[in-house]
Amino acid sequence: MNIIIPELVLDISLFILAAAFLGCIYRMIVGPSAADRAISSDIIGNIVMCAIAVYSMKIHSTEYFSAVLVIAILGFVGLTVIAKFIYGGDVIDHDK
């Protein structure tokens, strides 16, 4: 069952993702707190993953899906480290 998504839908999707990316860049720069900046950086990672997936659908290829997986893993680990730093102050626990 091959369903071909029209090129116009993919182009509109990329445009919407670009607008969301710019909005997150604005929030990252202007954000009033460190939590806002951390969340916007995580959302930027998700937008990049979506843009790569839409682009690979546009060119009818599956070569970039491994890049999406790597970005997802790095985004999770990065946000976890940032959240631990904001909450506790220390990223690495040292035994005393």
PDB file of N, CA and C in Angstrom:
ATOM      1  N   MET A   1       0.835  -1.178   0.000  1.00  0.00           N
ATOM      2  CA  MET A   1       0.000   0.000   0.000  1.00  0.00           C
ATOM      3  C   MET A   1       0.877   1.236   0.000  1.00  0.00           C
ATOM      4  N   ASN A   2       1.177   1.747  -1.155  1.00  0.00           N
ATOM      5  CA  ASN A   2       1.990   2.945  -1.287  1.00  0.00           C
ATOM      6  C   ASN A   2       1.105   4.161  -1.451  1.00  0.00           C
ATOM      7  N   ILE A   3       1.141   5.019  -0.465  1.00  0.00           N
ATOM      8  CA  ILE A   3       0.400   6.272  -0.539  1.00  0.00           C
ATOM      9  C   ILE A   3       1.417   7.380  -0.755  1.00  0.00           C
ATOM     10  N   ILE A   4       1.275   8.092  -1.830  1.00  0.00           N
ATOM     11  CA  ILE A   4       2.192   9.167  -2.155  1.00  0.00           C
ATOM     12  C   ILE A   4       1.595  10.481  -1.672  1.00  0.00           C
ATOM     13  N   ILE A   5       2.336  11.153  -0.805  1.00  0.00           N
ATOM     14  CA  ILE A   5       1.887  12.435  -0.285  1.00  0.00           C
ATOM     15  C   ILE A   5       2.217  13.503  -1.326  1.00  0.00           C
ATOM     16  N   PRO A   6       1.273  14.365  -1.640  1.00  0.00           N
ATOM     17  CA  PRO A   6       1.536  15.401  -2.637  1.00  0.00           C
ATOM     18  C   PRO A   6       2.698  16.311  -2.219  1.00  0.00           C
ATOM     19  N   GLU A   7       3.454  16.764  -3.191  1.00  0.00           N
ATOM     20  CA  GLU A   7       4.613  17.612  -2.941  1.00  0.00           C
ATOM     21  C   GLU A   7       4.218  18.915  -2.258  1.00  0.00           C
ATOM     22  N   LEU A   8       3.052  19.436  -2.573  1.00  0.00           N
ATOM     23  CA  LEU A   8       2.597  20.688  -1.965  1.00  0.00           C
ATOM     24  C   LEU A   8       2.423  20.531  -0.456  1.00  0.00           C
ATOM     25  N   VAL A   9       1.902  19.398  -0.021  1.00  0.00           N
ATOM     26  CA  VAL A   9       1.722  19.153   1.411  1.00  0.00           C
ATOM     27  C   VAL A   9       3.076  19.109   2.110  1.00  0.00           C
ATOM     28  N   LEU A  10       4.052  18.484   1.499  1.00  0.00           N
ATOM     29  CA  LEU A  10       5.381  18.417   2.092  1.00  0.00           C
ATOM     30  C   LEU A  10       6.039  19.790   2.134  1.00  0.00           C
ATOM     31  N   ASP A  11       5.852  20.585   1.088  1.00  0.00           N
ATOM     32  CA  ASP A  11       6.402  21.937   1.075  1.00  0.00           C
ATOM     33  C   ASP A  11       5.765  22.806   2.149  1.00  0.00           C
ATOM     34  N   ILE A  12       4.453  22.702   2.315  1.00  0.00           N
ATOM     35  CA  ILE A  12       3.762  23.468   3.355  1.00  0.00           C
ATOM     36  C   ILE A  12       4.241  23.014   4.736  1.00  0.00           C
ATOM     37  N   SER A  13       4.449  21.723   4.900  1.00  0.00           N
ATOM     38  CA  SER A  13       4.942  21.202   6.176  1.00  0.00           C
ATOM     39  C   SER A  13       6.324  21.749   6.507  1.00  0.00           C
ATOM     40  N   LEU A  14       7.193  21.812   5.509  1.00  0.00           N
ATOM     41  CA  LEU A  14       8.527  22.372   5.734  1.00  0.00           C
ATOM     42  C   LEU A  14       8.459  23.852   6.076  1.00  0.00           C
ATOM     43  N   PHE A  15       7.535  24.577   5.449  1.00  0.00           N
ATOM     44  CA  PHE A  15       7.370  25.998   5.751  1.00  0.00           C
ATOM     45  C   PHE A  15       6.879  26.192   7.188  1.00  0.00           C
ATOM     46  N   ILE A  16       5.931  25.387   7.621  1.00  0.00           N
ATOM     47  CA  ILE A  16       5.415  25.485   8.989  1.00  0.00           C
ATOM     48  C   ILE A  16       6.516  25.126   9.989  1.00  0.00           C
ATOM     49  N   LEU A  17       7.316  24.121   9.685  1.00  0.00           N
ATOM     50  CA  LEU A  17       8.419  23.766  10.570  1.00  0.00           C
ATOM     51  C   LEU A  17       9.461  24.882  10.643  1.00  0.00           C
ATOM     52  N   ALA A  18       9.701  25.570   9.527  1.00  0.00           N
ATOM     53  CA  ALA A  18      10.640  26.692   9.535  1.00  0.00           C
ATOM     54  C   ALA A  18      10.113  27.838  10.397  1.00  0.00           C
ATOM     55  N   ALA A  19       8.810  28.112  10.314  1.00  0.00           N
ATOM     56  CA  ALA A  19       8.217  29.165  11.144  1.00  0.00           C
ATOM     57  C   ALA A  19       8.295  28.798  12.626  1.00  0.00           C
ATOM     58  N   ALA A  20       8.049  27.534  12.950  1.00  0.00           N
ATOM     59  CA  ALA A  20       8.154  27.087  14.337  1.00  0.00           C
ATOM     60  C   ALA A  20       9.597  27.157  14.829  1.00  0.00           C
ATOM     61  N   PHE A  21      10.537  26.857  13.943  1.00  0.00           N
ATOM     62  CA  PHE A  21      11.954  26.946  14.288  1.00  0.00           C
ATOM     63  C   PHE A  21      12.334  28.381  14.645  1.00  0.00           C
ATOM     64  N   LEU A  22      11.867  29.334  13.850  1.00  0.00           N
ATOM     65  CA  LEU A  22      12.167  30.740  14.135  1.00  0.00           C
ATOM     66  C   LEU A  22      11.534  31.184  15.446  1.00  0.00           C
ATOM     67  N   GLY A  23      10.321  30.714  15.724  1.00  0.00           N
ATOM     68  CA  GLY A  23       9.682  31.040  16.988  1.00  0.00           C
ATOM     69  C   GLY A  23      10.451  30.500  18.180  1.00  0.00           C
ATOM     70  N   CYS A  24      10.990  29.295  18.045  1.00  0.00           N
ATOM     71  CA  CYS A  24      11.773  28.715  19.135  1.00  0.00           C
ATOM     72  C   CYS A  24      13.117  29.414  19.299  1.00  0.00           C
ATOM     73  N   ILE A  25      13.713  29.852  18.216  1.00  0.00           N
ATOM     74  CA  ILE A  25      14.954  30.627  18.318  1.00  0.00           C
ATOM     75  C   ILE A  25      14.693  31.925  19.075  1.00  0.00           C
ATOM     76  N   TYR A  26      13.572  32.566  18.784  1.00  0.00           N
ATOM     77  CA  TYR A  26      13.205  33.784  19.501  1.00  0.00           C
ATOM     78  C   TYR A  26      13.035  33.501  20.993  1.00  0.00           C
ATOM     79  N   ARG A  27      12.348  32.418  21.329  1.00  0.00           N
ATOM     80  CA  ARG A  27      12.123  32.090  22.737  1.00  0.00           C
ATOM     81  C   ARG A  27      13.435  31.718  23.418  1.00  0.00           C
ATOM     82  N   MET A  28      14.347  31.113  22.683  1.00  0.00           N
ATOM     83  CA  MET A  28      15.632  30.758  23.272  1.00  0.00           C
ATOM     84  C   MET A  28      16.450  32.013  23.595  1.00  0.00           C
ATOM     85  N   ILE A  29      16.362  33.013  22.750  1.00  0.00           N
ATOM     86  CA  ILE A  29      17.123  34.241  22.975  1.00  0.00           C
ATOM     87  C   ILE A  29      16.462  35.111  24.043  1.00  0.00           C
ATOM     88  N   VAL A  30      15.149  35.291  23.981  1.00  0.00           N
ATOM     89  CA  VAL A  30      14.441  36.223  24.835  1.00  0.00           C
ATOM     90  C   VAL A  30      13.926  35.571  26.113  1.00  0.00           C
ATOM     91  N   GLY A  31      13.809  34.255  26.132  1.00  0.00           N
ATOM     92  CA  GLY A  31      13.181  33.535  27.243  1.00  0.00           C
ATOM     93  C   GLY A  31      13.509  34.078  28.615  1.00  0.00           C
ATOM     94  N   PRO A  32      12.508  34.287  29.442  1.00  0.00           N
ATOM     95  CA  PRO A  32      12.773  34.902  30.741  1.00  0.00           C
ATOM     96  C   PRO A  32      13.491  33.986  31.741  1.00  0.00           C
ATOM     97  N   SER A  33      13.420  32.681  31.546  1.00  0.00           N
ATOM     98  CA  SER A  33      14.070  31.786  32.510  1.00  0.00           C
ATOM     99  C   SER A  33      14.895  30.727  31.784  1.00  0.00           C
ATOM    100  N   ALA A  34      15.715  30.054  32.555  1.00  0.00           N
ATOM    101  CA  ALA A  34      16.541  28.989  31.982  1.00  0.00           C
ATOM    102  C   ALA A  34      15.688  27.808  31.535  1.00  0.00           C
ATOM    103  N   ALA A  35      14.571  27.585  32.214  1.00  0.00           N
ATOM    104  CA  ALA A  35      13.683  26.483  31.816  1.00  0.00           C
ATOM    105  C   ALA A  35      13.072  26.745  30.443  1.00  0.00           C
ATOM    106  N   ASP A  36      12.696  28.002  30.161  1.00  0.00           N
ATOM    107  CA  ASP A  36      12.173  28.334  28.836  1.00  0.00           C
ATOM    108  C   ASP A  36      13.210  28.079  27.757  1.00  0.00           C
ATOM    109  N   ARG A  37      14.438  28.429  28.035  1.00  0.00           N
ATOM    110  CA  ARG A  37      15.515  28.209  27.060  1.00  0.00           C
ATOM    111  C   ARG A  37      15.776  26.714  26.864  1.00  0.00           C
ATOM    112  N   ALA A  38      15.723  25.934  27.929  1.00  0.00           N
ATOM    113  CA  ALA A  38      15.943  24.493  27.830  1.00  0.00           C
ATOM    114  C   ALA A  38      14.833  23.823  27.024  1.00  0.00           C
ATOM    115  N   ILE A  39      13.606  24.210  27.284  1.00  0.00           N
ATOM    116  CA  ILE A  39      12.482  23.617  26.553  1.00  0.00           C
ATOM    117  C   ILE A  39      12.527  24.012  25.088  1.00  0.00           C
ATOM    118  N   SER A  40      12.883  25.262  24.805  1.00  0.00           N
ATOM    119  CA  SER A  40      12.951  25.673  23.397  1.00  0.00           C
ATOM    120  C   SER A  40      14.077  24.952  22.665  1.00  0.00           C
ATOM    121  N   SER A  41      15.184  24.671  23.345  1.00  0.00           N
ATOM    122  CA  SER A  41      16.247  23.908  22.682  1.00  0.00           C
ATOM    123  C   SER A  41      15.805  22.478  22.394  1.00  0.00           C
ATOM    124  N   ASP A  42      15.015  21.892  23.288  1.00  0.00           N
ATOM    125  CA  ASP A  42      14.491  20.549  23.045  1.00  0.00           C
ATOM    126  C   ASP A  42      13.499  20.569  21.883  1.00  0.00           C
ATOM    127  N   ILE A  43      12.667  21.578  21.826  1.00  0.00           N
ATOM    128  CA  ILE A  43      11.705  21.682  20.729  1.00  0.00           C
ATOM    129  C   ILE A  43      12.418  21.911  19.408  1.00  0.00           C
ATOM    130  N   ILE A  44      13.521  22.649  19.420  1.00  0.00           N
ATOM    131  CA  ILE A  44      14.294  22.840  18.190  1.00  0.00           C
ATOM    132  C   ILE A  44      14.824  21.499  17.698  1.00  0.00           C
ATOM    133  N   GLY A  45      15.272  20.659  18.608  1.00  0.00           N
ATOM    134  CA  GLY A  45      15.712  19.315  18.207  1.00  0.00           C
ATOM    135  C   GLY A  45      14.590  18.509  17.591  1.00  0.00           C
ATOM    136  N   ASN A  46      13.396  18.618  18.165  1.00  0.00           N
ATOM    137  CA  ASN A  46      12.249  17.906  17.599  1.00  0.00           C
ATOM    138  C   ASN A  46      11.865  18.460  16.235  1.00  0.00           C
ATOM    139  N   ILE A  47      11.952  19.765  16.069  1.00  0.00           N
ATOM    140  CA  ILE A  47      11.640  20.369  14.768  1.00  0.00           C
ATOM    141  C   ILE A  47      12.638  19.908  13.716  1.00  0.00           C
ATOM    142  N   VAL A  48      13.902  19.836  14.088  1.00  0.00           N
ATOM    143  CA  VAL A  48      14.919  19.361  13.144  1.00  0.00           C
ATOM    144  C   VAL A  48      14.654  17.906  12.761  1.00  0.00           C
ATOM    145  N   MET A  49      14.261  17.084  13.748  1.00  0.00           N
ATOM    146  CA  MET A  49      13.922  15.691  13.435  1.00  0.00           C
ATOM    147  C   MET A  49      12.752  15.615  12.463  1.00  0.00           C
ATOM    148  N   CYS A  50      11.726  16.418  12.709  1.00  0.00           N
ATOM    149  CA  CYS A  50      10.559  16.418  11.812  1.00  0.00           C
ATOM    150  C   CYS A  50      10.925  16.908  10.421  1.00  0.00           C
ATOM    151  N   ALA A  51      11.766  17.928  10.360  1.00  0.00           N
ATOM    152  CA  ALA A  51      12.172  18.464   9.051  1.00  0.00           C
ATOM    153  C   ALA A  51      12.974  17.423   8.267  1.00  0.00           C
ATOM    154  N   ILE A  52      13.839  16.687   8.941  1.00  0.00           N
ATOM    155  CA  ILE A  52      14.601  15.638   8.263  1.00  0.00           C
ATOM    156  C   ILE A  52      13.669  14.542   7.766  1.00  0.00           C
ATOM    157  N   ALA A  53      12.683  14.175   8.581  1.00  0.00           N
ATOM    158  CA  ALA A  53      11.733  13.139   8.168  1.00  0.00           C
ATOM    159  C   ALA A  53      10.895  13.596   6.984  1.00  0.00           C
ATOM    160  N   VAL A  54      10.426  14.839   7.005  1.00  0.00           N
ATOM    161  CA  VAL A  54       9.630  15.358   5.888  1.00  0.00           C
ATOM    162  C   VAL A  54      10.483  15.448   4.630  1.00  0.00           C
ATOM    163  N   TYR A  55      11.726  15.893   4.780  1.00  0.00           N
ATOM    164  CA  TYR A  55      12.608  15.984   3.619  1.00  0.00           C
ATOM    165  C   TYR A  55      12.884  14.600   3.027  1.00  0.00           C
ATOM    166  N   SER A  56      13.080  13.601   3.886  1.00  0.00           N
ATOM    167  CA  SER A  56      13.328  12.269   3.348  1.00  0.00           C
ATOM    168  C   SER A  56      12.083  11.702   2.670  1.00  0.00           C
ATOM    169  N   MET A  57      10.888  12.090   3.140  1.00  0.00           N
ATOM    170  CA  MET A  57       9.678  11.706   2.411  1.00  0.00           C
ATOM    171  C   MET A  57       9.603  12.416   1.070  1.00  0.00           C
ATOM    172  N   LYS A  58      10.072  13.650   1.044  1.00  0.00           N
ATOM    173  CA  LYS A  58      10.033  14.433  -0.198  1.00  0.00           C
ATOM    174  C   LYS A  58      10.934  13.838  -1.267  1.00  0.00           C
ATOM    175  N   ILE A  59      12.089  13.313  -0.856  1.00  0.00           N
ATOM    176  CA  ILE A  59      13.008  12.739  -1.849  1.00  0.00           C
ATOM    177  C   ILE A  59      12.844  11.227  -1.985  1.00  0.00           C
ATOM    178  N   HIS A  60      11.821  10.661  -1.299  1.00  0.00           N
ATOM    179  CA  HIS A  60      11.508   9.231  -1.372  1.00  0.00           C
ATOM    180  C   HIS A  60      12.709   8.367  -0.978  1.00  0.00           C
ATOM    181  N   SER A  61      13.273   8.668   0.181  1.00  0.00           N
ATOM    182  CA  SER A  61      14.440   7.944   0.664  1.00  0.00           C
ATOM    183  C   SER A  61      14.291   7.663   2.155  1.00  0.00           C
ATOM    184  N   THR A  62      14.976   6.626   2.619  1.00  0.00           N
ATOM    185  CA  THR A  62      14.988   6.308   4.044  1.00  0.00           C
ATOM    186  C   THR A  62      16.397   6.412   4.630  1.00  0.00           C
ATOM    187  N   GLU A  63      17.299   7.057   3.930  1.00  0.00           N
ATOM    188  CA  GLU A  63      18.685   7.122   4.373  1.00  0.00           C
ATOM    189  C   GLU A  63      18.887   8.010   5.596  1.00  0.00           C
ATOM    190  N   TYR A  64      18.008   8.956   5.828  1.00  0.00           N
ATOM    191  CA  TYR A  64      18.213   9.931   6.893  1.00  0.00           C
ATOM    192  C   TYR A  64      17.527   9.551   8.200  1.00  0.00           C
ATOM    193  N   PHE A  65      16.853   8.427   8.250  1.00  0.00           N
ATOM    194  CA  PHE A  65      16.138   8.053   9.465  1.00  0.00           C
ATOM    195  C   PHE A  65      17.087   7.719  10.612  1.00  0.00           C
ATOM    196  N   SER A  66      18.287   7.274  10.303  1.00  0.00           N
ATOM    197  CA  SER A  66      19.260   7.033  11.379  1.00  0.00           C
ATOM    198  C   SER A  66      19.700   8.352  12.006  1.00  0.00           C
ATOM    199  N   ALA A  67      19.775   9.415  11.212  1.00  0.00           N
ATOM    200  CA  ALA A  67      20.097  10.735  11.768  1.00  0.00           C
ATOM    201  C   ALA A  67      18.995  11.211  12.703  1.00  0.00           C
ATOM    202  N   VAL A  68      17.750  10.910  12.377  1.00  0.00           N
ATOM    203  CA  VAL A  68      16.627  11.274  13.244  1.00  0.00           C
ATOM    204  C   VAL A  68      16.758  10.545  14.583  1.00  0.00           C
ATOM    205  N   LEU A  69      17.137   9.291  14.556  1.00  0.00           N
ATOM    206  CA  LEU A  69      17.309   8.516  15.783  1.00  0.00           C
ATOM    207  C   LEU A  69      18.428   9.087  16.646  1.00  0.00           C
ATOM    208  N   VAL A  70      19.537   9.451  16.037  1.00  0.00           N
ATOM    209  CA  VAL A  70      20.663  10.019  16.787  1.00  0.00           C
ATOM    210  C   VAL A  70      20.276  11.354  17.408  1.00  0.00           C
ATOM    211  N   ILE A  71      19.573  12.199  16.666  1.00  0.00           N
ATOM    212  CA  ILE A  71      19.140  13.488  17.201  1.00  0.00           C
ATOM    213  C   ILE A  71      18.170  13.282  18.358  1.00  0.00           C
ATOM    214  N   ALA A  72      17.297  12.294  18.271  1.00  0.00           N
ATOM    215  CA  ALA A  72      16.356  12.015  19.362  1.00  0.00           C
ATOM    216  C   ALA A  72      17.089  11.591  20.628  1.00  0.00           C
ATOM    217  N   ILE A  73      18.084  10.738  20.493  1.00  0.00           N
ATOM    218  CA  ILE A  73      18.840  10.285  21.661  1.00  0.00           C
ATOM    219  C   ILE A  73      19.625  11.438  22.268  1.00  0.00           C
ATOM    220  N   LEU A  74      20.299  12.221  21.442  1.00  0.00           N
ATOM    221  CA  LEU A  74      21.069  13.352  21.954  1.00  0.00           C
ATOM    222  C   LEU A  74      20.168  14.406  22.594  1.00  0.00           C
ATOM    223  N   GLY A  75      18.995  14.619  22.029  1.00  0.00           N
ATOM    224  CA  GLY A  75      18.060  15.577  22.609  1.00  0.00           C
ATOM    225  C   GLY A  75      17.578  15.140  23.975  1.00  0.00           C
ATOM    226  N   PHE A  76      17.292  13.864  24.123  1.00  0.00           N
ATOM    227  CA  PHE A  76      16.845  13.350  25.424  1.00  0.00           C
ATOM    228  C   PHE A  76      17.941  13.479  26.470  1.00  0.00           C
ATOM    229  N   VAL A  77      19.140  13.066  26.123  1.00  0.00           N
ATOM    230  CA  VAL A  77      20.247  13.135  27.074  1.00  0.00           C
ATOM    231  C   VAL A  77      20.566  14.595  27.408  1.00  0.00           C
ATOM    232  N   GLY A  78      20.559  15.454  26.415  1.00  0.00           N
ATOM    233  CA  GLY A  78      20.853  16.861  26.651  1.00  0.00           C
ATOM    234  C   GLY A  78      19.836  17.529  27.546  1.00  0.00           C
ATOM    235  N   LEU A  79      18.558  17.273  27.309  1.00  0.00           N
ATOM    236  CA  LEU A  79      17.529  17.876  28.144  1.00  0.00           C
ATOM    237  C   LEU A  79      17.573  17.320  29.561  1.00  0.00           C
ATOM    238  N   THR A  80      17.914  16.057  29.714  1.00  0.00           N
ATOM    239  CA  THR A  80      18.046  15.479  31.043  1.00  0.00           C
ATOM    240  C   THR A  80      19.186  16.144  31.817  1.00  0.00           C
ATOM    241  N   VAL A  81      20.296  16.379  31.161  1.00  0.00           N
ATOM    242  CA  VAL A  81      21.432  17.044  31.809  1.00  0.00           C
ATOM    243  C   VAL A  81      21.083  18.476  32.180  1.00  0.00           C
ATOM    244  N   ILE A  82      20.425  19.188  31.287  1.00  0.00           N
ATOM    245  CA  ILE A  82      20.044  20.574  31.572  1.00  0.00           C
ATOM    246  C   ILE A  82      19.045  20.632  32.725  1.00  0.00           C
ATOM    247  N   ALA A  83      18.080  19.729  32.742  1.00  0.00           N
ATOM    248  CA  ALA A  83      17.100  19.714  33.823  1.00  0.00           C
ATOM    249  C   ALA A  83      17.762  19.398  35.160  1.00  0.00           C
ATOM    250  N   LYS A  84      18.700  18.465  35.173  1.00  0.00           N
ATOM    251  CA  LYS A  84      19.407  18.155  36.408  1.00  0.00           C
ATOM    252  C   LYS A  84      20.235  19.341  36.868  1.00  0.00           C
ATOM    253  N   PHE A  85      20.841  20.051  35.934  1.00  0.00           N
ATOM    254  CA  PHE A  85      21.630  21.234  36.299  1.00  0.00           C
ATOM    255  C   PHE A  85      20.745  22.339  36.863  1.00  0.00           C
ATOM    256  N   ILE A  86      19.591  22.564  36.248  1.00  0.00           N
ATOM    257  CA  ILE A  86      18.681  23.607  36.730  1.00  0.00           C
ATOM    258  C   ILE A  86      18.126  23.231  38.102  1.00  0.00           C
ATOM    259  N   TYR A  87      17.781  21.990  38.290  1.00  0.00           N
ATOM    260  CA  TYR A  87      17.161  21.561  39.546  1.00  0.00           C
ATOM    261  C   TYR A  87      18.174  21.456  40.682  1.00  0.00           C
ATOM    262  N   GLY A  88      19.275  20.766  40.426  1.00  0.00           N
ATOM    263  CA  GLY A  88      20.182  20.472  41.529  1.00  0.00           C
ATOM    264  C   GLY A  88      21.484  21.241  41.522  1.00  0.00           C
ATOM    265  N   GLY A  89      21.905  21.725  40.393  1.00  0.00           N
ATOM    266  CA  GLY A  89      23.153  22.467  40.330  1.00  0.00           C
ATOM    267  C   GLY A  89      24.339  21.646  39.869  1.00  0.00           C
ATOM    268  N   ASP A  90      24.397  20.362  40.204  1.00  0.00           N
ATOM    269  CA  ASP A  90      25.508  19.512  39.789  1.00  0.00           C
ATOM    270  C   ASP A  90      25.029  18.526  38.746  1.00  0.00           C
ATOM    271  N   VAL A  91      25.777  18.424  37.668  1.00  0.00           N
ATOM    272  CA  VAL A  91      25.430  17.478  36.620  1.00  0.00           C
ATOM    273  C   VAL A  91      25.998  16.105  36.940  1.00  0.00           C
ATOM    274  N   ILE A  92      27.218  16.076  37.466  1.00  0.00           N
ATOM    275  CA  ILE A  92      27.879  14.820  37.810  1.00  0.00           C
ATOM    276  C   ILE A  92      27.936  14.725  39.327  1.00  0.00           C
ATOM    277  N   ASP A  93      27.438  13.632  39.875  1.00  0.00           N
ATOM    278  CA  ASP A  93      27.483  13.427  41.323  1.00  0.00           C
ATOM    279  C   ASP A  93      28.839  12.855  41.703  1.00  0.00           C
ATOM    280  N   HIS A  94      29.518  13.540  42.608  1.00  0.00           N
ATOM    281  CA  HIS A  94      30.812  13.064  43.073  1.00  0.00           C
ATOM    282  C   HIS A  94      30.644  12.446  44.452  1.00  0.00           C
ATOM    283  N   ASP A  95      31.226  11.283  44.648  1.00  0.00           N
ATOM    284  CA  ASP A  95      31.191  10.647  45.970  1.00  0.00           C
ATOM    285  C   ASP A  95      32.206  11.336  46.866  1.00  0.00           C
ATOM    286  N   LYS A  96      31.806  11.650  48.072  1.00  0.00           N
ATOM    287  CA  LYS A  96      32.720  12.360  48.982  1.00  0.00           C
ATOM    288  C   LYS A  96      33.320  11.433  49.985  1.00  0.00           C
TER     289      LYS A  96
END
